[in-house]
Amino acid sequence: MDIMIIAGVVVTLIGLAGLVYCMVKAYKAKKAGLVGDDLTAHLKKLVVVNLLSFLFSAIGLMLVVFGIILGG
């Protein structure tokens, strides 16, 4: 079950990296002075990455929990 835990940690870290990427891109867009429709269009492109990042994080955490439960 150690492999499941390690895989879960890796998947969770990938998800967290995606979330950090989304935060940085959104901050840069706001810092660049985008407002209104331009900012909305830019942020709409990040929605898919954001949702996939949350999905990866959730799946990774589930793998870690299942690995701990099955290994314990």
Protein backbone atom coordinates (compact mmCIF):
# COMPACT_ATOMS: atom_id res chain seq x y z
CA MET A 1 0.00 0.00 0.00
CA ASP A 2 3.03 2.26 0.13
CA ILE A 3 2.85 2.62 -3.64
CA MET A 4 -0.73 3.86 -3.36
CA ILE A 5 0.27 6.44 -0.78
CA ILE A 6 3.25 7.65 -2.82
CA ALA A 7 1.13 7.84 -5.98
CA GLY A 8 -1.50 9.79 -4.05
CA VAL A 9 1.08 12.26 -2.80
CA VAL A 10 2.42 12.78 -6.33
CA VAL A 11 -1.07 13.30 -7.79
CA THR A 12 -1.95 15.70 -4.97
CA LEU A 13 1.22 17.72 -5.57
CA ILE A 14 0.42 17.93 -9.29
CA GLY A 15 -3.02 19.28 -8.36
CA LEU A 16 -1.54 21.80 -5.95
CA ALA A 17 0.93 22.95 -8.60
CA GLY A 18 -1.99 23.54 -10.95
CA LEU A 19 -3.79 25.58 -8.31
CA VAL A 20 -0.70 27.69 -7.70
CA TYR A 21 -0.38 28.17 -11.48
CA CYS A 22 -3.97 29.44 -11.63
CA MET A 23 -3.39 31.85 -8.75
CA VAL A 24 -0.23 33.24 -10.34
CA LYS A 25 -1.88 33.68 -13.75
CA ALA A 26 -4.92 35.41 -12.21
CA TYR A 27 -2.69 37.70 -10.14
CA LYS A 28 -0.62 38.61 -13.20
CA ALA A 29 -3.78 39.37 -15.18
CA LYS A 30 -5.04 41.69 -12.46
CA LYS A 31 -1.59 43.24 -12.06
CA ALA A 32 -1.47 43.88 -15.83
CA GLY A 33 -4.51 46.10 -15.45
CA LEU A 34 -7.07 43.91 -17.14
CA VAL A 35 -10.62 44.86 -16.15
CA GLY A 36 -14.13 44.00 -17.21
CA ASP A 37 -14.56 41.74 -20.21
CA ASP A 38 -10.83 41.33 -20.79
CA LEU A 39 -10.28 40.05 -17.26
CA THR A 40 -13.34 37.81 -17.52
CA ALA A 41 -12.13 36.28 -20.79
CA HIS A 42 -8.68 35.66 -19.31
CA LEU A 43 -10.08 34.04 -16.18
CA LYS A 44 -12.50 31.85 -18.16
CA LYS A 45 -9.48 30.19 -19.75
CA LEU A 46 -8.21 29.27 -16.28
CA VAL A 47 -11.45 27.63 -15.14
CA VAL A 48 -10.64 24.29 -16.81
CA VAL A 49 -7.15 24.18 -15.31
CA ASN A 50 -8.55 25.12 -11.92
CA LEU A 51 -11.21 22.40 -11.95
CA LEU A 52 -8.75 19.76 -13.15
CA SER A 53 -6.34 20.80 -10.40
CA PHE A 54 -9.04 20.38 -7.78
CA LEU A 55 -9.91 16.99 -9.27
CA PHE A 56 -6.28 15.84 -9.15
CA SER A 57 -5.91 17.04 -5.57
CA ALA A 58 -9.08 15.25 -4.47
CA ILE A 59 -8.14 12.00 -6.20
CA GLY A 60 -4.64 12.15 -4.76
CA LEU A 61 -5.94 12.69 -1.25
CA MET A 62 -8.38 9.80 -1.68
CA LEU A 63 -5.51 7.56 -2.76
CA VAL A 64 -3.53 8.53 0.31
CA VAL A 65 -6.46 7.89 2.64
CA PHE A 66 -7.28 4.52 1.01
CA GLY A 67 -3.62 3.55 1.17
CA ILE A 68 -3.48 4.36 4.87
CA ILE A 69 -6.75 2.52 5.61
CA LEU A 70 -5.82 -0.57 3.61
CA GLY A 71 -2.26 -0.63 4.91
CA GLY A 72 -3.19 -0.12 8.55
